[in-house]
Amino acid sequence: MRGGDLDSLVKKAEQLSRINRIVNNELPKQARDHCSVGAFNNGELSLVVENGGWSTAIRYQQKNLIRKLQGYPEFHSLVKIQIKTRPAAELLFSELRANEKQTKEKEDERAKAKKLAGQFRQIRDPELRKAMQQLSQAIQSEK
């Protein structure tokens, strides 16, 4: 990467950081931890919000927020706020872990069911074997 490209990236990062601080100061205190600036281009501010509840809250405050932000030189061209809902990474990872856990539990249950089915085949009494298989199927269908 050439020096000019790096300087340009650093300048953009600093600008985004400054814009994010300004927006953060103007957001309601409760929303600050749930919202961040995605971009500011051509008079449109993109806010990234972690869930639908906060998206709705910010939408209700949108006109007021635009008016406040237009008082800053950085936002003199602001005409629109676009709100994008994107869950926080921690939430995504916790949901992923929960899904993985559920998948593993289901796989464990299937393995147990196969093992039981193998054990039931060893029962010599056909009526008892059939009853045990039906009981096992009934238990599996409840899960």
Protein backbone atom coordinates (compact mmCIF):
# COMPACT_ATOMS: atom_id res chain seq x y z
CA MET A 1 0.00 0.00 0.00
CA ARG A 2 1.40 3.38 -0.93
CA GLY A 3 1.79 6.17 1.61
CA GLY A 4 -0.97 8.26 0.01
CA ASP A 5 -3.47 5.40 0.25
CA LEU A 6 -2.62 4.83 3.88
CA ASP A 7 -2.89 8.53 4.66
CA SER A 8 -6.29 8.60 2.96
CA LEU A 9 -7.52 5.62 5.01
CA VAL A 10 -6.26 7.15 8.25
CA LYS A 11 -7.97 10.45 7.40
CA LYS A 12 -11.27 8.66 6.65
CA ALA A 13 -11.04 6.66 9.89
CA GLU A 14 -10.41 9.83 11.90
CA GLN A 15 -13.31 11.57 10.18
CA LEU A 16 -15.65 8.64 10.86
CA SER A 17 -14.53 8.55 14.48
CA ARG A 18 -15.22 12.28 14.88
CA ILE A 19 -18.65 11.93 13.24
CA ASN A 20 -19.44 8.96 15.46
CA ARG A 21 -18.57 10.97 18.60
CA ILE A 22 -20.83 13.85 17.52
CA VAL A 23 -23.74 11.52 16.73
CA ASN A 24 -23.19 9.66 19.98
CA ASN A 25 -23.40 12.93 21.94
CA GLU A 26 -26.72 13.81 20.28
CA LEU A 27 -28.36 10.40 20.68
CA PRO A 28 -30.51 9.71 23.75
CA LYS A 29 -28.27 8.27 26.49
CA GLN A 30 -30.06 4.91 26.45
CA ALA A 31 -29.44 4.44 22.70
CA ARG A 32 -25.72 5.25 22.65
CA ASP A 33 -24.49 1.72 23.33
CA HIS A 34 -26.83 0.27 20.69
CA CYS A 35 -26.09 2.54 17.74
CA SER A 36 -23.05 3.56 15.68
CA VAL A 37 -22.28 5.45 12.51
CA GLY A 38 -21.90 3.31 9.41
CA ALA A 39 -21.15 6.09 6.92
CA PHE A 40 -21.84 9.70 5.98
CA ASN A 41 -21.95 10.40 2.26
CA ASN A 42 -23.82 12.85 0.04
CA GLY A 43 -25.92 14.24 2.86
CA GLU A 44 -27.02 10.82 4.09
CA LEU A 45 -26.02 9.50 7.49
CA SER A 46 -26.13 5.73 7.88
CA LEU A 47 -26.69 4.51 11.44
CA VAL A 48 -26.19 0.86 12.39
CA VAL A 49 -28.53 -0.21 15.19
CA GLU A 50 -28.43 -3.56 16.95
CA ASN A 51 -32.14 -4.47 16.95
CA GLY A 52 -35.59 -3.48 15.76
CA GLY A 53 -36.56 -1.85 19.03
CA TRP A 54 -33.70 0.63 18.86
CA SER A 55 -34.33 1.15 15.13
CA THR A 56 -37.88 2.22 15.90
CA ALA A 57 -36.77 4.49 18.73
CA ILE A 58 -34.21 6.21 16.50
CA ARG A 59 -36.76 6.58 13.68
CA TYR A 60 -39.08 8.46 16.04
CA GLN A 61 -36.19 10.77 16.95
CA GLN A 62 -34.94 11.12 13.36
CA LYS A 63 -36.19 14.65 12.55
CA ASN A 64 -34.99 16.00 15.89
CA LEU A 65 -31.63 14.28 15.45
CA ILE A 66 -31.18 15.72 11.94
CA ARG A 67 -31.96 19.21 13.23
CA LYS A 68 -29.42 18.88 16.08
CA LEU A 69 -26.71 17.43 13.86
CA GLN A 70 -27.13 20.11 11.20
CA GLY A 71 -25.83 22.55 13.82
CA TYR A 72 -22.37 20.99 13.44
CA PRO A 73 -20.15 22.01 10.51
CA GLU A 74 -19.55 18.32 9.68
CA PHE A 75 -23.28 17.84 9.12
CA HIS A 76 -24.27 21.03 7.33
CA SER A 77 -25.24 18.92 4.27
CA LEU A 78 -27.22 16.31 6.26
CA VAL A 79 -30.68 15.72 4.78
CA LYS A 80 -31.45 12.08 5.59
CA ILE A 81 -30.70 9.36 8.12
CA GLN A 82 -30.77 5.78 6.98
CA ILE A 83 -31.15 3.25 9.78
CA LYS A 84 -29.77 -0.25 9.31
CA THR A 85 -30.47 -2.99 11.81
CA ARG A 86 -27.56 -5.32 12.44
CA PRO A 87 -27.33 -7.33 15.64
CA ALA A 88 -24.24 -6.85 17.75
CA ALA A 89 -21.53 -9.43 17.15
CA GLU A 90 -21.87 -10.80 20.68
CA LEU A 91 -25.54 -11.57 20.04
CA LEU A 92 -24.76 -13.26 16.75
CA PHE A 93 -22.06 -15.39 18.34
CA SER A 94 -24.24 -16.37 21.30
CA GLU A 95 -27.04 -17.38 18.91
CA LEU A 96 -24.55 -19.36 16.84
CA ARG A 97 -23.28 -21.15 19.95
CA ALA A 98 -26.85 -21.90 21.04
CA ASN A 99 -27.66 -23.34 17.60
CA GLU A 100 -24.51 -25.45 17.66
CA LYS A 101 -25.44 -26.74 21.11
CA GLN A 102 -28.95 -27.65 19.94
CA THR A 103 -27.55 -29.43 16.90
CA LYS A 104 -25.15 -31.42 19.06
CA GLU A 105 -27.94 -32.34 21.48
CA LYS A 106 -30.08 -33.57 18.57
CA GLU A 107 -27.17 -35.60 17.21
CA ASP A 108 -26.61 -37.11 20.68
CA GLU A 109 -30.31 -38.01 20.91
CA ARG A 110 -30.18 -39.69 17.48
CA ALA A 111 -27.11 -41.67 18.55
CA LYS A 112 -28.89 -42.77 21.73
CA ALA A 113 -31.95 -43.78 19.71
CA LYS A 114 -29.81 -45.88 17.35
CA LYS A 115 -28.12 -47.52 20.29
CA LEU A 116 -31.48 -48.34 21.90
CA ALA A 117 -32.82 -49.68 18.61
CA GLY A 118 -29.81 -52.00 18.43
CA GLN A 119 -30.42 -53.16 21.98
CA PHE A 120 -34.11 -53.76 21.27
CA ARG A 121 -33.23 -56.03 18.35
CA GLN A 122 -31.48 -58.30 20.82
CA ILE A 123 -34.70 -58.88 22.80
CA ARG A 124 -35.92 -62.38 21.93
CA ASP A 125 -39.58 -61.92 22.91
CA PRO A 126 -41.23 -60.34 19.81
CA GLU A 127 -44.05 -58.66 21.78
CA LEU A 128 -41.66 -57.10 24.28
CA ARG A 129 -39.32 -56.00 21.46
CA LYS A 130 -42.24 -54.39 19.59
CA ALA A 131 -43.49 -52.64 22.75
CA MET A 132 -40.02 -51.28 23.53
CA GLN A 133 -39.57 -50.03 19.95
CA GLN A 134 -42.96 -48.28 20.08
CA LEU A 135 -42.07 -46.71 23.41
CA SER A 136 -38.75 -45.49 22.00
CA GLN A 137 -40.49 -44.03 18.92
CA ALA A 138 -43.05 -42.28 21.10
CA ILE A 139 -40.31 -40.71 23.22
CA GLN A 140 -38.42 -39.58 20.09
CA SER A 141 -41.53 -38.01 18.53
CA GLU A 142 -42.14 -35.94 21.68
CA LYS A 143 -38.72 -34.32 21.31
